[in-house]
Amino acid sequence: MAHVVILGGGFGGLAAVETLRATLGDSVDITLVDRNDRFFMGFAKLWDLGGIRPLEEGTTPLARLADRGVEFVQADITAIDPEARRVETSAGTLEADALLVALGAPNNPSHRRLLQAPGAHDLYDAASLPAIHQALDTIESGRILVALLGMPFKCPPAPFEAVLIVDEVLRRRGVRDQVQVSISTFQPMTLPVAGVDASQYVARQLGDHGIELLSGHTVAGVDDGVVRFEDGSTFGFDVLLGVPAASPPPVVKQSPLAGPNGWIQPDRQTLRTGFDRVYAVGDCTMVPTANAQLPKAGVFAAAEGEVAARNIAADLGTGGGATFDGHGFCFLELPGRRVAYVEGNFFAEPAPAVALSEADESRFARKQAYERERIAAWLG
């Protein structure tokens, strides 16, 4: 019986498991490896931050994969040999007939060091949530800055959703008039990947809530209570919520899979790497578009995981394979449990063809349903 090994229990890996089971049934052995023992969607951290729902309520054990006949191995991955389709882990060696790398991307180490300064927090780290809650629940006056630290960063809308949540939390506490709230980005607009119209829409939302937008501000350093920008300007803060860039997983950078920049660069339609029956999807990859690269977001990883799984099935003798067309969407969440919907073809030429729908409560319900349905399909 063929053995498929999947590295990573995030969107891409779990979507691939579901597709392989639907396509191949019990005719294939599947092993999934992840260093974590549970899964949650990234936006669940923001729901925790905004008091909508504790993160734990959106968290599901990966051990539930056993109910689908999938072996789950909680272990660190220490080496990948794509030529032999062999993986070394802290729990032993795995050999595969087909290999899918869906390892995600850790935060940039230099940015993690920046955020060790007093008053600074990593907005994307779930372990930082208690300290961020404490900071927002106790500040009475001063300045809060959400700062994008570099490219590529995961989930492009999330920093702007987060700063609106900060505004909402402070208004509930009755201290918003005493606290300046700002967001800085090194980019010329809020969401370049989604285009000018979406960027202007987000900028208007920030302005409507009295949030200062500092575009074109690249962070050079963080000292005691001060952010230094490359243009020589500074920003004194009481609370800093930093958005670190993503970096390639070290085990990927050290493997033959890595391209010149450390990321895996699979064929963007089939997700095949340069090695036979080895595929890569999600945040550990760099997939070019007409004007940049595909956003590092769970929805894209899941779509890629499904395509890669169908191609693995074809490699193993079932089905005709599939291609990824660059279509994707994201939920842009705004105060009042309203969600705008950004959708389009990110492979379009000469630039992504993206449309934005106005925010309303029905799309918030759609976002809730997306989480509920995906977790039910992937982990039951």
Protein backbone atom coordinates (compact mmCIF):
# COMPACT_ATOMS: atom_id res chain seq x y z
CA MET A 1 0.00 0.00 0.00
CA ALA A 2 1.33 3.45 -0.92
CA HIS A 3 2.41 5.72 1.91
CA VAL A 4 1.88 9.50 1.75
CA VAL A 5 3.69 11.66 4.29
CA ILE A 6 2.40 15.18 4.96
CA LEU A 7 4.60 17.64 6.81
CA GLY A 8 2.47 20.21 8.61
CA GLY A 9 -0.96 20.17 10.22
CA GLY A 10 -2.20 23.57 9.09
CA PHE A 11 -4.65 24.55 6.34
CA GLY A 12 -2.64 22.97 3.51
CA GLY A 13 -1.86 19.69 5.24
CA LEU A 14 -5.37 19.14 6.57
CA ALA A 15 -7.04 20.02 3.27
CA ALA A 16 -4.73 17.53 1.57
CA VAL A 17 -5.69 14.78 4.02
CA GLU A 18 -9.39 15.35 3.34
CA THR A 19 -8.86 15.29 -0.43
CA LEU A 20 -6.67 12.18 -0.35
CA ARG A 21 -9.26 10.32 1.70
CA ALA A 22 -12.06 11.44 -0.64
CA THR A 23 -10.04 10.42 -3.71
CA LEU A 24 -8.21 7.30 -2.56
CA GLY A 25 -10.27 6.11 0.41
CA ASP A 26 -8.44 3.53 2.50
CA SER A 27 -6.16 2.45 -0.34
CA VAL A 28 -3.35 4.68 0.92
CA ASP A 29 -1.58 5.05 4.25
CA ILE A 30 -1.27 8.67 5.39
CA THR A 31 1.05 10.02 8.06
CA LEU A 32 0.89 13.67 9.12
CA VAL A 33 3.73 15.21 11.15
CA ASP A 34 3.53 18.45 13.12
CA ARG A 35 5.40 19.77 16.13
CA ASN A 36 2.13 21.12 17.57
CA ASP A 37 -0.66 18.93 18.89
CA ARG A 38 -3.59 21.13 17.86
CA PHE A 39 -5.00 23.30 15.10
CA PHE A 40 -6.74 26.66 15.07
CA MET A 41 -7.35 29.25 12.39
CA GLY A 42 -5.31 32.44 12.63
CA PHE A 43 -8.33 34.71 12.91
CA ALA A 44 -9.33 32.88 16.09
CA LYS A 45 -6.53 34.81 17.81
CA LEU A 46 -8.19 38.08 16.84
CA TRP A 47 -11.55 36.83 18.09
CA ASP A 48 -9.85 36.16 21.42
CA LEU A 49 -8.25 39.61 21.36
CA GLY A 50 -11.60 41.28 20.70
CA GLY A 51 -13.50 39.30 23.32
CA ILE A 52 -15.65 37.47 20.77
CA ARG A 53 -14.48 33.98 21.80
CA PRO A 54 -11.57 32.46 23.75
CA LEU A 55 -8.91 30.92 21.52
CA GLU A 56 -9.30 27.56 23.23
CA GLU A 57 -12.87 27.24 21.95
CA GLY A 58 -11.60 27.36 18.37
CA THR A 59 -8.82 24.85 18.95
CA THR A 60 -9.02 21.20 17.88
CA PRO A 61 -6.57 18.35 18.70
CA LEU A 62 -4.74 16.91 15.70
CA ALA A 63 -5.08 13.52 17.38
CA ARG A 64 -8.59 13.45 15.86
CA LEU A 65 -6.93 12.56 12.56
CA ALA A 66 -6.91 8.99 13.86
CA ASP A 67 -10.69 8.92 13.31
CA ARG A 68 -9.92 9.27 9.60
CA GLY A 69 -7.36 6.51 9.65
CA VAL A 70 -4.45 8.95 9.56
CA GLU A 71 -1.39 8.45 11.72
CA PHE A 72 -0.52 11.68 13.52
CA VAL A 73 3.08 12.07 14.69
CA GLN A 74 3.83 14.96 17.00
CA ALA A 75 7.51 15.60 16.42
CA ASP A 76 10.10 18.09 15.22
CA ILE A 77 11.19 17.62 11.61
CA THR A 78 14.98 17.68 11.52
CA ALA A 79 15.82 16.88 7.88
CA ILE A 80 14.10 16.41 4.51
CA ASP A 81 15.64 14.36 1.70
CA PRO A 82 13.30 15.01 -1.26
CA GLU A 83 15.29 12.81 -3.64
CA ALA A 84 14.69 9.76 -1.45
CA ARG A 85 11.37 11.10 -0.07
CA ARG A 86 12.77 10.50 3.39
CA VAL A 87 12.08 12.65 6.45
CA GLU A 88 14.03 12.65 9.70
CA THR A 89 12.06 13.59 12.81
CA SER A 90 12.61 13.61 16.54
CA ALA A 91 10.34 10.52 16.61
CA GLY A 92 12.26 8.61 13.93
CA THR A 93 12.62 8.27 10.16
CA LEU A 94 9.70 8.27 7.70
CA GLU A 95 9.87 7.11 4.09
CA ALA A 96 7.17 7.98 1.60
CA ASP A 97 5.89 7.11 -1.84
CA ALA A 98 4.70 10.71 -2.06
CA LEU A 99 5.60 13.68 0.10
CA LEU A 100 3.75 16.95 0.73
CA VAL A 101 5.56 19.79 2.49
CA ALA A 102 3.07 22.16 4.14
CA LEU A 103 5.18 23.45 7.02
CA GLY A 104 4.01 27.02 7.22
CA ALA A 105 6.52 29.74 8.06
CA PRO A 106 7.92 30.86 11.41
CA ASN A 107 8.35 34.49 12.38
CA ASN A 108 11.54 36.24 11.32
CA PRO A 109 14.10 35.74 14.15
CA SER A 110 15.38 39.32 13.96
CA HIS A 111 11.83 40.64 14.34
CA ARG A 112 11.24 38.35 17.32
CA ARG A 113 14.29 39.97 18.93
CA LEU A 114 12.93 43.46 18.23
CA LEU A 115 9.73 42.54 20.03
CA GLN A 116 11.57 41.60 23.21
CA ALA A 117 11.73 45.31 24.08
CA PRO A 118 9.66 46.45 27.10
CA GLY A 119 6.05 47.15 26.11
CA ALA A 120 6.39 45.26 22.80
CA HIS A 121 4.39 42.16 21.85
CA ASP A 122 4.23 39.79 18.88
CA LEU A 123 0.71 40.26 17.54
CA TYR A 124 0.83 36.97 15.63
CA ASP A 125 1.99 34.78 18.52
CA ALA A 126 -0.86 33.09 20.39
CA ALA A 127 1.37 32.86 23.46
CA SER A 128 1.43 36.68 23.57
CA LEU A 129 -2.34 37.00 23.94
CA PRO A 130 -2.44 37.12 27.78
CA ALA A 131 0.16 39.90 27.88
CA ILE A 132 -1.61 41.85 25.12
CA HIS A 133 -4.91 41.55 26.98
CA GLN A 134 -3.20 42.81 30.11
CA ALA A 135 -1.76 45.80 28.27
CA LEU A 136 -5.07 46.77 26.65
CA ASP A 137 -7.04 46.22 29.86
CA THR A 138 -4.80 48.46 31.97
CA ILE A 139 -3.70 51.34 29.75
CA GLU A 140 -5.40 54.58 30.77
CA SER A 141 -3.59 57.03 28.48
CA GLY A 142 -0.69 57.08 26.07
CA ARG A 143 0.10 55.68 22.64
CA ILE A 144 -0.44 52.28 21.01
CA LEU A 145 1.25 51.37 17.74
CA VAL A 146 0.60 48.36 15.53
CA ALA A 147 3.71 48.06 13.34
CA LEU A 148 4.28 45.92 10.25
CA LEU A 149 7.93 44.94 10.38
CA GLY A 150 8.64 43.47 6.95
CA MET A 151 7.74 41.24 4.02
CA PRO A 152 6.35 38.75 3.53
CA PHE A 153 3.93 38.76 6.45
CA LYS A 154 1.05 36.36 6.92
CA CYS A 155 -2.61 37.25 6.36
CA PRO A 156 -2.31 40.80 4.90
CA PRO A 157 -5.62 42.13 6.34
CA ALA A 158 -4.96 40.92 9.90
CA PRO A 159 -2.90 43.90 11.18
CA PHE A 160 -5.63 46.30 10.12
CA GLU A 161 -8.32 44.11 11.65
CA ALA A 162 -6.24 44.04 14.83
CA VAL A 163 -5.83 47.81 15.13
CA LEU A 164 -9.61 48.21 14.73
CA ILE A 165 -10.07 45.65 17.51
CA VAL A 166 -7.71 47.68 19.70
CA ASP A 167 -9.85 50.74 19.03
CA GLU A 168 -12.99 48.78 19.93
CA VAL A 169 -11.52 47.40 23.18
CA LEU A 170 -10.46 50.89 24.31
CA ARG A 171 -13.90 52.33 23.49
CA ARG A 172 -15.58 49.63 25.58
CA ARG A 173 -13.32 50.61 28.47
CA GLY A 174 -14.10 54.30 28.02
CA VAL A 175 -10.45 55.33 27.57
CA ARG A 176 -10.22 55.72 23.80
CA ASP A 177 -10.11 59.52 23.93
CA GLN A 178 -7.01 59.32 26.14
CA VAL A 179 -5.12 56.80 23.97
CA GLN A 180 -3.67 57.53 20.54
CA VAL A 181 -3.92 54.50 18.25
CA SER A 182 -1.71 54.25 15.15
CA ILE A 183 -0.60 51.68 12.60
CA SER A 184 2.58 51.82 10.56
CA THR A 185 3.37 49.96 7.38
CA PHE A 186 6.46 49.92 5.18
CA GLN A 187 4.13 49.63 2.17
CA PRO A 188 2.76 52.63 0.25
CA MET A 189 -0.84 51.61 0.97
CA THR A 190 -2.70 49.28 3.30
CA LEU A 191 -3.29 46.27 1.04
CA PRO A 192 -1.20 46.47 -2.16
CA VAL A 193 -1.88 42.80 -2.90
CA ALA A 194 -5.62 43.54 -3.10
CA GLY A 195 -5.26 46.74 -5.13
CA VAL A 196 -5.97 50.44 -4.77
CA ASP A 197 -9.74 50.22 -4.15
CA ALA A 198 -9.40 47.75 -1.28
CA SER A 199 -6.51 49.74 0.18
CA GLN A 200 -8.51 52.95 0.12
CA TYR A 201 -11.47 51.16 1.70
CA VAL A 202 -9.30 50.01 4.60
CA ALA A 203 -7.76 53.47 4.96
CA ARG A 204 -11.24 54.99 5.22
CA GLN A 205 -12.17 52.51 7.94
CA LEU A 206 -9.08 53.54 9.91
CA GLY A 207 -9.86 57.22 9.45
CA ASP A 208 -13.47 56.77 10.53
CA HIS A 209 -12.19 55.34 13.84
CA GLY A 210 -9.56 58.01 14.40
CA ILE A 211 -6.65 55.63 13.79
CA GLU A 212 -3.50 57.24 12.42
CA LEU A 213 -2.06 55.50 9.32
CA LEU A 214 1.69 55.82 8.79
CA SER A 215 2.33 54.51 5.29
CA GLY A 216 5.84 54.10 3.90
CA HIS A 217 7.35 53.78 7.39
CA THR A 218 9.94 51.01 7.61
CA VAL A 219 10.94 50.05 11.16
CA ALA A 220 14.70 50.22 11.71
CA GLY A 221 14.75 49.40 15.42
CA VAL A 222 12.90 49.33 18.72
CA ASP A 223 14.42 50.86 21.83
CA ASP A 224 12.95 51.47 25.28
CA GLY A 225 9.49 52.77 24.38
CA VAL A 226 10.55 54.14 20.98
CA VAL A 227 10.24 52.81 17.44
CA ARG A 228 12.86 54.15 15.03
CA PHE A 229 12.00 54.33 11.34
CA GLU A 230 14.47 54.24 8.47
CA ASP A 231 13.59 57.81 7.43
CA GLY A 232 14.92 59.04 10.78
CA SER A 233 11.54 59.66 12.40
CA THR A 234 10.53 58.04 15.69
CA PHE A 235 7.37 57.00 17.48
CA GLY A 236 7.18 56.84 21.26
CA PHE A 237 4.85 54.08 22.45
CA ASP A 238 3.34 52.66 25.59
CA VAL A 239 2.21 49.48 23.82
CA LEU A 240 3.71 48.11 20.60
CA LEU A 241 1.99 45.27 18.73
CA GLY A 242 4.45 44.09 16.10
CA VAL A 243 3.69 42.08 12.97
CA PRO A 244 6.85 40.13 12.12
CA ALA A 245 7.73 39.00 8.65
CA ALA A 246 7.58 35.30 7.93
CA SER A 247 10.77 33.39 7.18
CA PRO A 248 11.38 29.98 5.58
CA PRO A 249 11.40 27.07 8.05
CA PRO A 250 15.04 26.26 8.88
CA VAL A 251 14.56 22.61 7.90
CA VAL A 252 13.42 23.80 4.46
CA LYS A 253 16.30 26.27 4.06
CA GLN A 254 18.74 23.47 4.83
CA SER A 255 17.18 21.08 2.30
CA PRO A 256 17.56 20.74 -1.48
CA LEU A 257 13.96 21.98 -1.77
CA ALA A 258 14.97 25.56 -0.99
CA GLY A 259 15.28 28.10 -3.77
CA PRO A 260 17.85 30.91 -3.74
CA ASN A 261 15.82 32.90 -1.20
CA GLY A 262 15.20 29.94 1.12
CA TRP A 263 11.57 29.40 0.11
CA ILE A 264 10.29 26.41 -1.84
CA GLN A 265 9.23 27.50 -5.32
CA PRO A 266 6.90 24.81 -6.71
CA ASP A 267 5.12 24.98 -10.02
CA ARG A 268 2.37 27.45 -9.22
CA GLN A 269 -0.34 25.44 -11.02
CA THR A 270 0.46 21.87 -9.94
CA LEU A 271 2.44 22.60 -6.73
CA ARG A 272 5.04 20.04 -7.84
CA THR A 273 8.62 20.65 -6.80
CA GLY A 274 11.61 19.63 -8.87
CA PHE A 275 11.58 16.22 -7.19
CA ASP A 276 9.42 13.27 -8.23
CA ARG A 277 6.20 12.96 -6.21
CA VAL A 278 7.21 15.78 -3.87
CA TYR A 279 4.84 18.74 -3.53
CA ALA A 280 4.83 21.93 -1.49
CA VAL A 281 1.98 24.26 -0.50
CA GLY A 282 1.18 27.18 1.77
CA ASP A 283 3.35 29.59 3.67
CA CYS A 284 6.62 27.66 3.22
CA THR A 285 6.44 28.41 -0.52
CA MET A 286 6.93 31.49 -2.66
CA VAL A 287 4.46 31.54 -5.54
CA PRO A 288 4.92 34.51 -7.91
CA THR A 289 2.09 36.68 -9.18
CA ALA A 290 2.17 39.48 -11.74
CA ASN A 291 3.13 42.15 -9.21
CA ALA A 292 4.40 40.29 -6.13
CA GLN A 293 3.71 36.87 -4.67
CA LEU A 294 0.65 34.95 -3.60
CA PRO A 295 -0.46 36.08 -0.12
CA LYS A 296 0.53 33.83 2.75
CA ALA A 297 -2.98 33.05 3.92
CA GLY A 298 -4.79 29.90 5.00
CA VAL A 299 -7.40 29.99 2.25
CA PHE A 300 -4.68 29.78 -0.43
CA ALA A 301 -2.85 27.02 1.46
CA ALA A 302 -6.06 24.97 1.65
CA ALA A 303 -6.78 25.39 -2.07
CA GLU A 304 -3.20 24.42 -2.92
CA GLY A 305 -3.38 21.43 -0.56
CA GLU A 306 -6.43 20.11 -2.40
CA VAL A 307 -4.72 20.47 -5.78
CA ALA A 308 -1.49 18.85 -4.56
CA ALA A 309 -3.48 15.94 -3.09
CA ARG A 310 -5.29 15.32 -6.38
CA ASN A 311 -1.94 15.33 -8.17
CA ILE A 312 -0.51 12.89 -5.64
CA ALA A 313 -3.52 10.65 -6.24
CA ALA A 314 -2.87 10.85 -10.00
CA ASP A 315 0.79 9.96 -9.40
CA LEU A 316 -0.43 6.89 -7.51
CA GLY A 317 -2.75 5.88 -10.34
CA THR A 318 -6.11 7.48 -9.49
CA GLY A 319 -7.66 10.47 -11.26
CA GLY A 320 -6.30 12.96 -13.72
CA GLY A 321 -4.78 15.50 -11.36
CA ALA A 322 -5.67 19.16 -10.95
CA THR A 323 -4.32 22.69 -11.33
CA PHE A 324 -4.50 25.74 -9.08
CA ASP A 325 -5.91 28.79 -10.87
CA GLY A 326 -4.85 31.49 -8.41
CA HIS A 327 -8.38 32.21 -7.25
CA GLY A 328 -8.74 33.13 -3.60
CA PHE A 329 -10.59 35.23 -1.08
CA CYS A 330 -10.24 36.64 2.38
CA PHE A 331 -12.50 37.92 5.13
CA LEU A 332 -11.81 41.51 6.19
CA GLU A 333 -13.39 41.82 9.62
CA LEU A 334 -14.56 45.21 10.87
CA PRO A 335 -16.08 46.43 14.15
CA GLY A 336 -19.66 45.44 14.92
CA ARG A 337 -19.15 41.85 13.75
CA ARG A 338 -19.24 42.93 10.13
CA VAL A 339 -17.09 41.37 7.43
CA ALA A 340 -16.10 42.58 3.97
CA TYR A 341 -15.23 39.99 1.35
CA VAL A 342 -12.16 40.32 -0.87
CA GLU A 343 -12.12 37.87 -3.77
CA GLY A 344 -10.43 37.47 -7.12
CA ASN A 345 -7.88 35.91 -9.43
CA PHE A 346 -4.44 36.54 -8.00
CA PHE A 347 -2.76 35.08 -11.10
CA ALA A 348 -4.40 37.60 -13.42
CA GLU A 349 -2.18 39.70 -15.69
CA PRO A 350 -0.97 42.44 -15.56
CA ALA A 351 -2.20 42.59 -11.95
CA PRO A 352 -4.48 40.56 -9.66
CA ALA A 353 -8.17 41.05 -10.49
CA VAL A 354 -9.66 41.53 -7.04
CA ALA A 355 -13.09 42.80 -5.99
CA LEU A 356 -14.23 43.93 -2.55
CA SER A 357 -17.76 43.55 -1.20
CA GLU A 358 -19.07 45.95 1.45
CA ALA A 359 -19.03 44.73 5.03
CA ASP A 360 -22.15 43.35 6.63
CA GLU A 361 -23.21 40.93 9.37
CA SER A 362 -24.18 38.16 6.94
CA ARG A 363 -20.57 37.85 5.86
CA PHE A 364 -19.51 37.58 9.49
CA ALA A 365 -21.84 34.59 9.73
CA ARG A 366 -20.21 33.25 6.56
CA LYS A 367 -16.79 33.55 8.21
CA GLN A 368 -18.05 31.65 11.25
CA ALA A 369 -19.49 28.97 8.98
CA TYR A 370 -16.21 28.68 7.07
CA GLU A 371 -14.34 27.88 10.28
CA ARG A 372 -17.01 25.48 11.52
CA GLU A 373 -17.34 23.61 8.23
CA ARG A 374 -13.60 23.30 7.58
CA ILE A 375 -12.80 22.00 11.06
CA ALA A 376 -15.68 19.52 10.80
CA ALA A 377 -14.41 18.30 7.42
CA TRP A 378 -10.76 18.13 8.45
CA LEU A 379 -10.92 17.01 12.07
CA GLY A 380 -14.53 16.08 12.71
